[in-house]
Amino acid sequence: MVPKKKGNGAQVPSAQQTEEASVNHWPTQDQIRLRAYQIYLERGARAGQELDDWLRAERELQKVALFARGWNRLERRRERGSEGGN
């Protein structure tokens, strides 16, 4: 699946790609690359901090994936609890 493009030319991950990251609990290289590019654009498209952009993107996406995993775990626990007596 191809990510959607924003007005400034940056691509936005599709819902399927975002869901894949949360299911796998680990961002893909393409997702990291895209987020690093977005960070680069946010910095004014100035070269010289590519590694910092990549590492920041990786950290951000890992946090999102971990949050999603925790959220999914809570949702499953809540669903099991509501099946028992309500």
Protein backbone atom coordinates (compact mmCIF):
# COMPACT_ATOMS: atom_id res chain seq x y z
CA MET A 1 0.00 0.00 0.00
CA VAL A 2 1.31 3.46 -0.93
CA PRO A 3 1.20 6.20 1.73
CA LYS A 4 -0.93 9.27 1.05
CA LYS A 5 0.84 12.53 0.18
CA LYS A 6 0.42 15.74 2.13
CA GLY A 7 0.32 19.13 0.47
CA ASN A 8 4.03 19.73 1.04
CA GLY A 9 4.94 16.46 -0.70
CA ALA A 10 5.53 14.48 2.50
CA GLN A 11 3.84 11.10 2.63
CA VAL A 12 1.53 10.21 5.49
CA PRO A 13 1.41 6.56 6.59
CA SER A 14 -1.86 4.87 5.70
CA ALA A 15 -4.14 3.45 8.38
CA GLN A 16 -3.04 -0.04 7.32
CA GLN A 17 0.64 0.81 7.78
CA THR A 18 -0.03 2.35 11.18
CA GLU A 19 -2.03 -0.72 12.19
CA GLU A 20 0.75 -3.02 10.95
CA ALA A 21 3.23 -1.24 13.19
CA SER A 22 0.97 -1.59 16.21
CA VAL A 23 0.26 -5.27 15.44
CA ASN A 24 3.96 -6.04 15.00
CA HIS A 25 4.86 -3.75 17.91
CA TRP A 26 7.85 -2.55 15.96
CA PRO A 27 8.01 0.15 13.27
CA THR A 28 9.12 -0.85 9.78
CA GLN A 29 12.12 0.74 8.08
CA ASP A 30 9.76 2.46 5.65
CA GLN A 31 7.80 4.00 8.52
CA ILE A 32 11.00 5.19 10.19
CA ARG A 33 12.29 6.57 6.89
CA LEU A 34 9.04 8.45 6.31
CA ARG A 35 8.96 9.89 9.84
CA ALA A 36 12.65 10.89 9.58
CA TYR A 37 11.84 12.72 6.35
CA GLN A 38 8.93 14.50 8.04
CA ILE A 39 11.26 15.56 10.86
CA TYR A 40 13.76 16.79 8.27
CA LEU A 41 11.04 18.90 6.65
CA GLU A 42 9.93 20.21 10.05
CA ARG A 43 13.51 21.37 10.65
CA GLY A 44 13.39 23.42 7.47
CA ALA A 45 14.94 20.80 5.16
CA ARG A 46 18.47 21.58 6.32
CA ALA A 47 20.99 18.78 5.76
CA GLY A 48 23.44 17.52 8.33
CA GLN A 49 21.29 15.85 10.99
CA GLU A 50 20.16 12.74 9.15
CA LEU A 51 21.20 10.33 11.88
CA ASP A 52 19.52 12.42 14.57
CA ASP A 53 16.34 12.54 12.48
CA TRP A 54 16.42 8.76 11.98
CA LEU A 55 16.99 8.01 15.66
CA ARG A 56 14.27 10.45 16.74
CA ALA A 57 11.83 8.89 14.26
CA GLU A 58 12.69 5.42 15.49
CA ARG A 59 12.14 6.40 19.13
CA GLU A 60 8.83 8.13 18.38
CA LEU A 61 7.45 5.20 16.42
CA GLN A 62 8.60 2.67 19.01
CA LYS A 63 6.79 4.66 21.70
CA VAL A 64 3.62 4.69 19.60
CA ALA A 65 3.87 0.93 19.03
CA LEU A 66 4.44 0.25 22.73
CA PHE A 67 1.51 2.48 23.66
CA ALA A 68 -0.71 0.68 21.14
CA ARG A 69 0.35 -2.70 22.51
CA GLY A 70 -0.46 -1.61 26.06
CA TRP A 71 -3.76 -0.10 24.96
CA ASN A 72 -4.72 -3.26 23.09
CA ARG A 73 -3.88 -5.32 26.16
CA LEU A 74 -6.11 -3.13 28.32
CA GLU A 75 -8.93 -3.33 25.77
CA ARG A 76 -8.74 -7.14 25.69
CA ARG A 77 -8.75 -7.27 29.49
CA ARG A 78 -11.76 -4.93 29.61
CA GLU A 79 -13.61 -7.04 27.02
CA ARG A 80 -12.96 -10.24 28.99
CA GLY A 81 -14.22 -8.55 32.14
CA SER A 82 -17.44 -7.38 30.51
CA GLU A 83 -18.15 -10.85 29.09
CA GLY A 84 -18.22 -12.39 32.55
CA GLY A 85 -21.01 -10.58 34.32
CA ASN A 86 -22.42 -7.69 32.35
